[in-house]
């Protein structure tokens, strides 16, 4: 008797849905810019899991290619966003996005 069942597409989609929900929760409820960026990364990783899962079960390489593109996009987004957060911190002495309402200072 086999204790473990095969991992199917629904398992990947469930994990992806949970990651996406956690990312959306972080983006919508938090005021710290670093936590918001981490939420965006979770959302992008959820999309990557979807691309890879459908690529695996459809037999094509399109999902892998798109996933690699999303990884590069996420790295560029993280670099630019962290540079912006550092400049905001230097100017306003906080990373709270609700207290940063003007960029003219």
PDB file of N, CA and C in Angstrom:
ATOM      1  N   UNK A   1       0.847  -1.176   0.000  1.00  0.00           N
ATOM      2  CA  UNK A   1       0.000   0.000   0.000  1.00  0.00           C
ATOM      3  C   UNK A   1       0.898   1.247   0.000  1.00  0.00           C
ATOM      4  N   UNK A   2       0.632   2.134  -0.929  1.00  0.00           N
ATOM      5  CA  UNK A   2       1.430   3.352  -1.060  1.00  0.00           C
ATOM      6  C   UNK A   2       0.874   4.435  -0.148  1.00  0.00           C
ATOM      7  N   UNK A   3       1.772   5.036   0.631  1.00  0.00           N
ATOM      8  CA  UNK A   3       1.324   6.053   1.581  1.00  0.00           C
ATOM      9  C   UNK A   3       1.137   7.412   0.928  1.00  0.00           C
ATOM     10  N   UNK A   4       1.904   7.712  -0.096  1.00  0.00           N
ATOM     11  CA  UNK A   4       1.859   9.019  -0.713  1.00  0.00           C
ATOM     12  C   UNK A   4       1.186   8.924  -2.071  1.00  0.00           C
ATOM     13  N   UNK A   5       0.391   9.901  -2.380  1.00  0.00           N
ATOM     14  CA  UNK A   5      -0.224   9.951  -3.699  1.00  0.00           C
ATOM     15  C   UNK A   5       0.627  10.829  -4.608  1.00  0.00           C
ATOM     16  N   UNK A   6       0.394  10.716  -5.878  1.00  0.00           N
ATOM     17  CA  UNK A   6       1.145  11.525  -6.842  1.00  0.00           C
ATOM     18  C   UNK A   6       0.758  12.992  -6.705  1.00  0.00           C
ATOM     19  N   UNK A   7       1.720  13.844  -6.910  1.00  0.00           N
ATOM     20  CA  UNK A   7       1.464  15.280  -6.853  1.00  0.00           C
ATOM     21  C   UNK A   7       0.899  15.698  -8.198  1.00  0.00           C
ATOM     22  N   UNK A   8      -0.292  16.251  -8.150  1.00  0.00           N
ATOM     23  CA  UNK A   8      -0.974  16.647  -9.378  1.00  0.00           C
ATOM     24  C   UNK A   8      -1.011  18.144  -9.556  1.00  0.00           C
ATOM     25  N   UNK A   9      -1.663  18.555 -10.624  1.00  0.00           N
ATOM     26  CA  UNK A   9      -1.773  19.979 -10.942  1.00  0.00           C
ATOM     27  C   UNK A   9      -2.502  20.747  -9.853  1.00  0.00           C
ATOM     28  N   UNK A  10      -3.505  20.120  -9.252  1.00  0.00           N
ATOM     29  CA  UNK A  10      -4.268  20.826  -8.214  1.00  0.00           C
ATOM     30  C   UNK A  10      -3.414  21.154  -6.993  1.00  0.00           C
ATOM     31  N   UNK A  11      -2.396  20.346  -6.711  1.00  0.00           N
ATOM     32  CA  UNK A  11      -1.504  20.656  -5.590  1.00  0.00           C
ATOM     33  C   UNK A  11      -0.694  21.921  -5.871  1.00  0.00           C
ATOM     34  N   UNK A  12      -0.172  22.012  -7.085  1.00  0.00           N
ATOM     35  CA  UNK A  12       0.576  23.212  -7.460  1.00  0.00           C
ATOM     36  C   UNK A  12      -0.310  24.452  -7.426  1.00  0.00           C
ATOM     37  N   UNK A  13      -1.536  24.311  -7.926  1.00  0.00           N
ATOM     38  CA  UNK A  13      -2.442  25.457  -7.953  1.00  0.00           C
ATOM     39  C   UNK A  13      -2.861  25.875  -6.547  1.00  0.00           C
ATOM     40  N   UNK A  14      -2.978  24.912  -5.640  1.00  0.00           N
ATOM     41  CA  UNK A  14      -3.314  25.245  -4.253  1.00  0.00           C
ATOM     42  C   UNK A  14      -2.190  26.029  -3.587  1.00  0.00           C
ATOM     43  N   UNK A  15      -0.963  25.571  -3.759  1.00  0.00           N
ATOM     44  CA  UNK A  15       0.190  26.293  -3.200  1.00  0.00           C
ATOM     45  C   UNK A  15       0.289  27.687  -3.807  1.00  0.00           C
ATOM     46  N   UNK A  16       0.077  27.774  -5.113  1.00  0.00           N
ATOM     47  CA  UNK A  16       0.142  29.067  -5.789  1.00  0.00           C
ATOM     48  C   UNK A  16      -0.940  30.014  -5.282  1.00  0.00           C
ATOM     49  N   UNK A  17      -2.126  29.490  -5.071  1.00  0.00           N
ATOM     50  CA  UNK A  17      -3.225  30.319  -4.551  1.00  0.00           C
ATOM     51  C   UNK A  17      -2.914  30.833  -3.151  1.00  0.00           C
ATOM     52  N   UNK A  18      -2.336  29.980  -2.323  1.00  0.00           N
ATOM     53  CA  UNK A  18      -1.987  30.420  -0.970  1.00  0.00           C
ATOM     54  C   UNK A  18      -0.899  31.489  -0.998  1.00  0.00           C
ATOM     55  N   UNK A  19       0.117  31.305  -1.843  1.00  0.00           N
ATOM     56  CA  UNK A  19       1.161  32.324  -1.962  1.00  0.00           C
ATOM     57  C   UNK A  19       0.592  33.640  -2.469  1.00  0.00           C
ATOM     58  N   UNK A  20      -0.287  33.560  -3.470  1.00  0.00           N
ATOM     59  CA  UNK A  20      -0.887  34.775  -4.009  1.00  0.00           C
ATOM     60  C   UNK A  20      -1.726  35.487  -2.954  1.00  0.00           C
ATOM     61  N   UNK A  21      -2.495  34.725  -2.183  1.00  0.00           N
ATOM     62  CA  UNK A  21      -3.327  35.329  -1.134  1.00  0.00           C
ATOM     63  C   UNK A  21      -2.472  35.995  -0.058  1.00  0.00           C
ATOM     64  N   UNK A  22      -1.379  35.339   0.343  1.00  0.00           N
ATOM     65  CA  UNK A  22      -0.485  35.947   1.329  1.00  0.00           C
ATOM     66  C   UNK A  22       0.165  37.218   0.784  1.00  0.00           C
ATOM     67  N   UNK A  23       0.548  37.198  -0.480  1.00  0.00           N
ATOM     68  CA  UNK A  23       1.128  38.383  -1.095  1.00  0.00           C
ATOM     69  C   UNK A  23       0.143  39.533  -1.170  1.00  0.00           C
ATOM     70  N   UNK A  24      -1.080  39.230  -1.563  1.00  0.00           N
ATOM     71  CA  UNK A  24      -2.104  40.287  -1.624  1.00  0.00           C
ATOM     72  C   UNK A  24      -2.408  40.835  -0.236  1.00  0.00           C
ATOM     73  N   UNK A  25      -2.435  39.953   0.756  1.00  0.00           N
ATOM     74  CA  UNK A  25      -2.667  40.405   2.127  1.00  0.00           C
ATOM     75  C   UNK A  25      -1.561  41.361   2.568  1.00  0.00           C
ATOM     76  N   UNK A  26      -0.322  41.029   2.254  1.00  0.00           N
ATOM     77  CA  UNK A  26       0.805  41.881   2.636  1.00  0.00           C
ATOM     78  C   UNK A  26       0.742  43.222   1.921  1.00  0.00           C
ATOM     79  N   UNK A  27       0.401  43.224   0.646  1.00  0.00           N
ATOM     80  CA  UNK A  27       0.354  44.471  -0.120  1.00  0.00           C
ATOM     81  C   UNK A  27      -0.797  45.358   0.352  1.00  0.00           C
ATOM     82  N   UNK A  28      -1.927  44.760   0.646  1.00  0.00           N
ATOM     83  CA  UNK A  28      -3.122  45.549   0.970  1.00  0.00           C
ATOM     84  C   UNK A  28      -3.147  46.050   2.417  1.00  0.00           C
ATOM     85  N   UNK A  29      -2.520  45.336   3.347  1.00  0.00           N
ATOM     86  CA  UNK A  29      -2.693  45.689   4.753  1.00  0.00           C
ATOM     87  C   UNK A  29      -1.483  46.348   5.399  1.00  0.00           C
ATOM     88  N   UNK A  30      -0.316  46.198   4.841  1.00  0.00           N
ATOM     89  CA  UNK A  30       0.886  46.698   5.496  1.00  0.00           C
ATOM     90  C   UNK A  30       1.230  48.103   5.028  1.00  0.00           C
ATOM     91  N   UNK A  31       1.903  48.841   5.907  1.00  0.00           N
ATOM     92  CA  UNK A  31       2.340  50.194   5.587  1.00  0.00           C
ATOM     93  C   UNK A  31       3.849  50.280   5.391  1.00  0.00           C
ATOM     94  N   UNK A  32       4.561  49.247   5.770  1.00  0.00           N
ATOM     95  CA  UNK A  32       6.012  49.226   5.621  1.00  0.00           C
ATOM     96  C   UNK A  32       6.352  48.888   4.165  1.00  0.00           C
ATOM     97  N   UNK A  33       7.177  49.714   3.544  1.00  0.00           N
ATOM     98  CA  UNK A  33       7.497  49.537   2.130  1.00  0.00           C
ATOM     99  C   UNK A  33       8.234  48.227   1.871  1.00  0.00           C
ATOM    100  N   UNK A  34       9.068  47.791   2.795  1.00  0.00           N
ATOM    101  CA  UNK A  34       9.808  46.544   2.611  1.00  0.00           C
ATOM    102  C   UNK A  34       8.843  45.354   2.611  1.00  0.00           C
ATOM    103  N   UNK A  35       7.876  45.360   3.504  1.00  0.00           N
ATOM    104  CA  UNK A  35       6.895  44.264   3.562  1.00  0.00           C
ATOM    105  C   UNK A  35       6.028  44.274   2.303  1.00  0.00           C
ATOM    106  N   UNK A  36       5.706  45.444   1.802  1.00  0.00           N
ATOM    107  CA  UNK A  36       4.928  45.526   0.558  1.00  0.00           C
ATOM    108  C   UNK A  36       5.731  44.934  -0.600  1.00  0.00           C
ATOM    109  N   UNK A  37       7.014  45.218  -0.658  1.00  0.00           N
ATOM    110  CA  UNK A  37       7.865  44.635  -1.702  1.00  0.00           C
ATOM    111  C   UNK A  37       7.949  43.117  -1.570  1.00  0.00           C
ATOM    112  N   UNK A  38       8.003  42.619  -0.351  1.00  0.00           N
ATOM    113  CA  UNK A  38       8.000  41.176  -0.151  1.00  0.00           C
ATOM    114  C   UNK A  38       6.681  40.562  -0.605  1.00  0.00           C
ATOM    115  N   UNK A  39       5.584  41.265  -0.400  1.00  0.00           N
ATOM    116  CA  UNK A  39       4.288  40.791  -0.883  1.00  0.00           C
ATOM    117  C   UNK A  39       4.240  40.723  -2.403  1.00  0.00           C
ATOM    118  N   UNK A  40       4.822  41.714  -3.063  1.00  0.00           N
ATOM    119  CA  UNK A  40       4.879  41.697  -4.529  1.00  0.00           C
ATOM    120  C   UNK A  40       5.712  40.510  -5.011  1.00  0.00           C
ATOM    121  N   UNK A  41       6.800  40.218  -4.310  1.00  0.00           N
ATOM    122  CA  UNK A  41       7.618  39.059  -4.673  1.00  0.00           C
ATOM    123  C   UNK A  41       6.839  37.759  -4.503  1.00  0.00           C
ATOM    124  N   UNK A  42       6.034  37.659  -3.449  1.00  0.00           N
ATOM    125  CA  UNK A  42       5.202  36.467  -3.277  1.00  0.00           C
ATOM    126  C   UNK A  42       4.205  36.312  -4.418  1.00  0.00           C
ATOM    127  N   UNK A  43       3.629  37.414  -4.857  1.00  0.00           N
ATOM    128  CA  UNK A  43       2.681  37.370  -5.972  1.00  0.00           C
ATOM    129  C   UNK A  43       3.382  36.902  -7.246  1.00  0.00           C
ATOM    130  N   UNK A  44       4.574  37.416  -7.507  1.00  0.00           N
ATOM    131  CA  UNK A  44       5.316  36.997  -8.694  1.00  0.00           C
ATOM    132  C   UNK A  44       5.720  35.517  -8.612  1.00  0.00           C
ATOM    133  N   UNK A  45       6.077  35.048  -7.415  1.00  0.00           N
ATOM    134  CA  UNK A  45       6.409  33.633  -7.264  1.00  0.00           C
ATOM    135  C   UNK A  45       5.189  32.741  -7.450  1.00  0.00           C
ATOM    136  N   UNK A  46       4.024  33.209  -7.036  1.00  0.00           N
ATOM    137  CA  UNK A  46       2.798  32.444  -7.278  1.00  0.00           C
ATOM    138  C   UNK A  46       2.527  32.324  -8.771  1.00  0.00           C
ATOM    139  N   UNK A  47       2.755  33.389  -9.503  1.00  0.00           N
ATOM    140  CA  UNK A  47       2.583  33.333 -10.956  1.00  0.00           C
ATOM    141  C   UNK A  47       3.595  32.369 -11.577  1.00  0.00           C
ATOM    142  N   UNK A  48       4.825  32.374 -11.078  1.00  0.00           N
ATOM    143  CA  UNK A  48       5.840  31.446 -11.582  1.00  0.00           C
ATOM    144  C   UNK A  48       5.441  29.997 -11.359  1.00  0.00           C
ATOM    145  N   UNK A  49       4.902  29.689 -10.194  1.00  0.00           N
ATOM    146  CA  UNK A  49       4.455  28.318  -9.928  1.00  0.00           C
ATOM    147  C   UNK A  49       3.364  27.918 -10.906  1.00  0.00           C
ATOM    148  N   UNK A  50       2.439  28.833 -11.186  1.00  0.00           N
ATOM    149  CA  UNK A  50       1.393  28.533 -12.168  1.00  0.00           C
ATOM    150  C   UNK A  50       1.983  28.271 -13.542  1.00  0.00           C
ATOM    151  N   UNK A  51       2.889  29.130 -13.985  1.00  0.00           N
ATOM    152  CA  UNK A  51       3.502  28.938 -15.296  1.00  0.00           C
ATOM    153  C   UNK A  51       4.223  27.595 -15.385  1.00  0.00           C
ATOM    154  N   UNK A  52       4.987  27.259 -14.353  1.00  0.00           N
ATOM    155  CA  UNK A  52       5.739  26.009 -14.377  1.00  0.00           C
ATOM    156  C   UNK A  52       4.832  24.787 -14.277  1.00  0.00           C
ATOM    157  N   UNK A  53       3.781  24.875 -13.483  1.00  0.00           N
ATOM    158  CA  UNK A  53       2.866  23.743 -13.347  1.00  0.00           C
ATOM    159  C   UNK A  53       2.141  23.466 -14.657  1.00  0.00           C
ATOM    160  N   UNK A  54       1.623  24.510 -15.286  1.00  0.00           N
ATOM    161  CA  UNK A  54       0.928  24.296 -16.555  1.00  0.00           C
ATOM    162  C   UNK A  54       1.903  23.872 -17.643  1.00  0.00           C
ATOM    163  N   UNK A  55       3.134  24.335 -17.574  1.00  0.00           N
ATOM    164  CA  UNK A  55       4.137  23.913 -18.540  1.00  0.00           C
ATOM    165  C   UNK A  55       4.448  22.429 -18.370  1.00  0.00           C
ATOM    166  N   UNK A  56       4.524  21.980 -17.120  1.00  0.00           N
ATOM    167  CA  UNK A  56       4.807  20.567 -16.855  1.00  0.00           C
ATOM    168  C   UNK A  56       3.683  19.677 -17.364  1.00  0.00           C
ATOM    169  N   UNK A  57       2.442  20.060 -17.121  1.00  0.00           N
ATOM    170  CA  UNK A  57       1.326  19.200 -17.472  1.00  0.00           C
ATOM    171  C   UNK A  57       0.868  19.372 -18.919  1.00  0.00           C
ATOM    172  N   UNK A  58       1.325  20.418 -19.597  1.00  0.00           N
ATOM    173  CA  UNK A  58       1.005  20.569 -21.016  1.00  0.00           C
ATOM    174  C   UNK A  58       2.147  20.121 -21.914  1.00  0.00           C
ATOM    175  N   UNK A  59       3.327  19.919 -21.351  1.00  0.00           N
ATOM    176  CA  UNK A  59       4.441  19.396 -22.106  1.00  0.00           C
ATOM    177  C   UNK A  59       5.231  20.413 -22.904  1.00  0.00           C
ATOM    178  N   UNK A  60       4.897  21.685 -22.809  1.00  0.00           N
ATOM    179  CA  UNK A  60       5.616  22.708 -23.563  1.00  0.00           C
ATOM    180  C   UNK A  60       6.671  23.396 -22.725  1.00  0.00           C
ATOM    181  N   UNK A  61       7.440  24.232 -23.385  1.00  0.00           N
ATOM    182  CA  UNK A  61       8.486  24.998 -22.705  1.00  0.00           C
ATOM    183  C   UNK A  61       8.110  26.470 -22.539  1.00  0.00           C
ATOM    184  N   UNK A  62       6.917  26.852 -22.976  1.00  0.00           N
ATOM    185  CA  UNK A  62       6.533  28.262 -22.899  1.00  0.00           C
ATOM    186  C   UNK A  62       6.462  28.751 -21.461  1.00  0.00           C
ATOM    187  N   UNK A  63       5.947  27.923 -20.561  1.00  0.00           N
ATOM    188  CA  UNK A  63       5.851  28.311 -19.158  1.00  0.00           C
ATOM    189  C   UNK A  63       7.203  28.520 -18.519  1.00  0.00           C
ATOM    190  N   UNK A  64       8.165  27.702 -18.905  1.00  0.00           N
ATOM    191  CA  UNK A  64       9.523  27.842 -18.367  1.00  0.00           C
ATOM    192  C   UNK A  64      10.142  29.145 -18.857  1.00  0.00           C
ATOM    193  N   UNK A  65       9.952  29.447 -20.118  1.00  0.00           N
ATOM    194  CA  UNK A  65      10.511  30.681 -20.670  1.00  0.00           C
ATOM    195  C   UNK A  65       9.882  31.911 -20.011  1.00  0.00           C
ATOM    196  N   UNK A  66       8.581  31.898 -19.852  1.00  0.00           N
ATOM    197  CA  UNK A  66       7.907  33.030 -19.208  1.00  0.00           C
ATOM    198  C   UNK A  66       8.341  33.130 -17.748  1.00  0.00           C
ATOM    199  N   UNK A  67       8.505  31.989 -17.097  1.00  0.00           N
ATOM    200  CA  UNK A  67       8.939  31.988 -15.703  1.00  0.00           C
ATOM    201  C   UNK A  67      10.331  32.597 -15.554  1.00  0.00           C
ATOM    202  N   UNK A  68      11.238  32.271 -16.458  1.00  0.00           N
ATOM    203  CA  UNK A  68      12.565  32.882 -16.423  1.00  0.00           C
ATOM    204  C   UNK A  68      12.491  34.390 -16.639  1.00  0.00           C
ATOM    205  N   UNK A  69      11.621  34.813 -17.536  1.00  0.00           N
ATOM    206  CA  UNK A  69      11.430  36.246 -17.759  1.00  0.00           C
ATOM    207  C   UNK A  69      10.892  36.924 -16.502  1.00  0.00           C
ATOM    208  N   UNK A  70       9.954  36.282 -15.803  1.00  0.00           N
ATOM    209  CA  UNK A  70       9.387  36.856 -14.580  1.00  0.00           C
ATOM    210  C   UNK A  70      10.447  36.933 -13.488  1.00  0.00           C
ATOM    211  N   UNK A  71      11.350  35.954 -13.411  1.00  0.00           N
ATOM    212  CA  UNK A  71      12.423  35.992 -12.422  1.00  0.00           C
ATOM    213  C   UNK A  71      13.345  37.183 -12.680  1.00  0.00           C
ATOM    214  N   UNK A  72      13.691  37.412 -13.946  1.00  0.00           N
ATOM    215  CA  UNK A  72      14.528  38.567 -14.296  1.00  0.00           C
ATOM    216  C   UNK A  72      13.794  39.863 -13.979  1.00  0.00           C
ATOM    217  N   UNK A  73      12.512  39.912 -14.295  1.00  0.00           N
ATOM    218  CA  UNK A  73      11.704  41.090 -13.995  1.00  0.00           C
ATOM    219  C   UNK A  73      11.630  41.344 -12.498  1.00  0.00           C
ATOM    220  N   UNK A  74      11.490  40.291 -11.708  1.00  0.00           N
ATOM    221  CA  UNK A  74      11.425  40.436 -10.250  1.00  0.00           C
ATOM    222  C   UNK A  74      12.744  40.941  -9.685  1.00  0.00           C
ATOM    223  N   UNK A  75      13.853  40.487 -10.241  1.00  0.00           N
ATOM    224  CA  UNK A  75      15.157  40.961  -9.769  1.00  0.00           C
ATOM    225  C   UNK A  75      15.340  42.441 -10.079  1.00  0.00           C
ATOM    226  N   UNK A  76      14.948  42.845 -11.281  1.00  0.00           N
ATOM    227  CA  UNK A  76      15.049  44.262 -11.645  1.00  0.00           C
ATOM    228  C   UNK A  76      14.115  45.106 -10.787  1.00  0.00           C
ATOM    229  N   UNK A  77      12.920  44.604 -10.557  1.00  0.00           N
ATOM    230  CA  UNK A  77      11.946  45.332  -9.720  1.00  0.00           C
ATOM    231  C   UNK A  77      12.472  45.491  -8.304  1.00  0.00           C
ATOM    232  N   UNK A  78      13.072  44.451  -7.772  1.00  0.00           N
ATOM    233  CA  UNK A  78      13.597  44.527  -6.404  1.00  0.00           C
ATOM    234  C   UNK A  78      14.725  45.545  -6.311  1.00  0.00           C
ATOM    235  N   UNK A  79      15.606  45.575  -7.297  1.00  0.00           N
ATOM    236  CA  UNK A  79      16.722  46.518  -7.267  1.00  0.00           C
ATOM    237  C   UNK A  79      16.233  47.960  -7.348  1.00  0.00           C
ATOM    238  N   UNK A  80      15.334  48.236  -8.268  1.00  0.00           N
ATOM    239  CA  UNK A  80      14.822  49.604  -8.428  1.00  0.00           C
ATOM    240  C   UNK A  80      13.987  50.011  -7.218  1.00  0.00           C
ATOM    241  N   UNK A  81      13.130  49.110  -6.748  1.00  0.00           N
ATOM    242  CA  UNK A  81      12.265  49.445  -5.615  1.00  0.00           C
ATOM    243  C   UNK A  81      13.071  49.666  -4.343  1.00  0.00           C
ATOM    244  N   UNK A  82      14.093  48.860  -4.111  1.00  0.00           N
ATOM    245  CA  UNK A  82      14.915  49.073  -2.921  1.00  0.00           C
ATOM    246  C   UNK A  82      15.707  50.376  -3.007  1.00  0.00           C
ATOM    247  N   UNK A  83      16.142  50.754  -4.197  1.00  0.00           N
ATOM    248  CA  UNK A  83      16.807  52.052  -4.357  1.00  0.00           C
ATOM    249  C   UNK A  83      15.835  53.191  -4.035  1.00  0.00           C
ATOM    250  N   UNK A  84      14.606  53.069  -4.465  1.00  0.00           N
ATOM    251  CA  UNK A  84      13.597  54.088  -4.157  1.00  0.00           C
ATOM    252  C   UNK A  84      13.321  54.127  -2.666  1.00  0.00           C
ATOM    253  N   UNK A  85      13.198  52.968  -2.024  1.00  0.00           N
ATOM    254  CA  UNK A  85      12.938  52.917  -0.581  1.00  0.00           C
ATOM    255  C   UNK A  85      14.103  53.531   0.198  1.00  0.00           C
ATOM    256  N   UNK A  86      15.320  53.266  -0.222  1.00  0.00           N
ATOM    257  CA  UNK A  86      16.483  53.860   0.462  1.00  0.00           C
ATOM    258  C   UNK A  86      16.464  55.374   0.334  1.00  0.00           C
ATOM    259  N   UNK A  87      16.132  55.896  -0.840  1.00  0.00           N
ATOM    260  CA  UNK A  87      16.044  57.352  -1.003  1.00  0.00           C
ATOM    261  C   UNK A  87      14.901  57.941  -0.191  1.00  0.00           C
ATOM    262  N   UNK A  88      13.794  57.248  -0.114  1.00  0.00           N
ATOM    263  CA  UNK A  88      12.685  57.722   0.725  1.00  0.00           C
ATOM    264  C   UNK A  88      13.116  57.735   2.184  1.00  0.00           C
ATOM    265  N   UNK A  89      13.824  56.715   2.625  1.00  0.00           N
ATOM    266  CA  UNK A  89      14.279  56.677   4.008  1.00  0.00           C
ATOM    267  C   UNK A  89      15.271  57.799   4.302  1.00  0.00           C
ATOM    268  N   UNK A  90      16.162  58.086   3.352  1.00  0.00           N
ATOM    269  CA  UNK A  90      17.113  59.187   3.555  1.00  0.00           C
ATOM    270  C   UNK A  90      16.399  60.528   3.666  1.00  0.00           C
ATOM    271  N   UNK A  91      15.317  60.679   2.892  1.00  0.00           N
ATOM    272  CA  UNK A  91      14.611  61.961   2.888  1.00  0.00           C
ATOM    273  C   UNK A  91      13.659  62.101   4.066  1.00  0.00           C
ATOM    274  N   UNK A  92      12.856  61.086   4.333  1.00  0.00           N
ATOM    275  CA  UNK A  92      11.778  61.194   5.315  1.00  0.00           C
ATOM    276  C   UNK A  92      12.072  60.492   6.637  1.00  0.00           C
ATOM    277  N   UNK A  93      13.171  59.737   6.723  1.00  0.00           N
ATOM    278  CA  UNK A  93      13.550  58.995   7.935  1.00  0.00           C
ATOM    279  C   UNK A  93      12.498  57.966   8.352  1.00  0.00           C
ATOM    280  N   UNK A  94      11.758  57.440   7.385  1.00  0.00           N
ATOM    281  CA  UNK A  94      10.781  56.381   7.635  1.00  0.00           C
ATOM    282  C   UNK A  94      10.544  55.613   6.347  1.00  0.00           C
ATOM    283  N   UNK A  95      10.101  54.359   6.487  1.00  0.00           N
ATOM    284  CA  UNK A  95       9.703  53.567   5.325  1.00  0.00           C
ATOM    285  C   UNK A  95       8.192  53.313   5.344  1.00  0.00           C
ATOM    286  N   UNK A  96       7.481  54.070   6.173  1.00  0.00           N
ATOM    287  CA  UNK A  96       6.026  53.980   6.246  1.00  0.00           C
ATOM    288  C   UNK A  96       5.435  54.694   5.036  1.00  0.00           C
ATOM    289  N   UNK A  97       4.736  53.944   4.170  1.00  0.00           N
ATOM    290  CA  UNK A  97       4.247  54.528   2.927  1.00  0.00           C
ATOM    291  C   UNK A  97       3.100  55.507   3.145  1.00  0.00           C
ATOM    292  N   UNK A  98       2.400  55.408   4.266  1.00  0.00           N
ATOM    293  CA  UNK A  98       1.298  56.340   4.500  1.00  0.00           C
ATOM    294  C   UNK A  98       1.792  57.716   4.947  1.00  0.00           C
ATOM    295  N   UNK A  99       2.997  57.792   5.499  1.00  0.00           N
ATOM    296  CA  UNK A  99       3.520  59.077   5.950  1.00  0.00           C
ATOM    297  C   UNK A  99       4.279  59.815   4.842  1.00  0.00           C
ATOM    298  N   UNK A 100       4.551  59.142   3.764  1.00  0.00           N
ATOM    299  CA  UNK A 100       5.250  59.761   2.628  1.00  0.00           C
ATOM    300  C   UNK A 100       4.183  60.202   1.634  1.00  0.00           C
ATOM    301  N   UNK A 101       3.834  61.488   1.686  1.00  0.00           N
ATOM    302  CA  UNK A 101       2.757  61.963   0.820  1.00  0.00           C
ATOM    303  C   UNK A 101       3.256  62.971  -0.214  1.00  0.00           C
ATOM    304  N   UNK A 102       4.488  63.365  -0.108  1.00  0.00           N
ATOM    305  CA  UNK A 102       5.016  64.322  -1.072  1.00  0.00           C
ATOM    306  C   UNK A 102       6.470  63.984  -1.369  1.00  0.00           C
ATOM    307  N   UNK A 103       6.893  64.260  -2.567  1.00  0.00           N
ATOM    308  CA  UNK A 103       8.273  63.992  -2.943  1.00  0.00           C
ATOM    309  C   UNK A 103       9.026  65.298  -3.203  1.00  0.00           C
ATOM    310  N   UNK A 104       8.446  66.448  -2.840  1.00  0.00           N
ATOM    311  CA  UNK A 104       9.083  67.721  -3.155  1.00  0.00           C
ATOM    312  C   UNK A 104      10.092  68.164  -2.105  1.00  0.00           C
ATOM    313  N   UNK A 105      10.222  67.468  -1.012  1.00  0.00           N
ATOM    314  CA  UNK A 105      11.172  67.862   0.032  1.00  0.00           C
ATOM    315  C   UNK A 105      12.584  67.478  -0.319  1.00  0.00           C
TER     316      UNK A 105
END
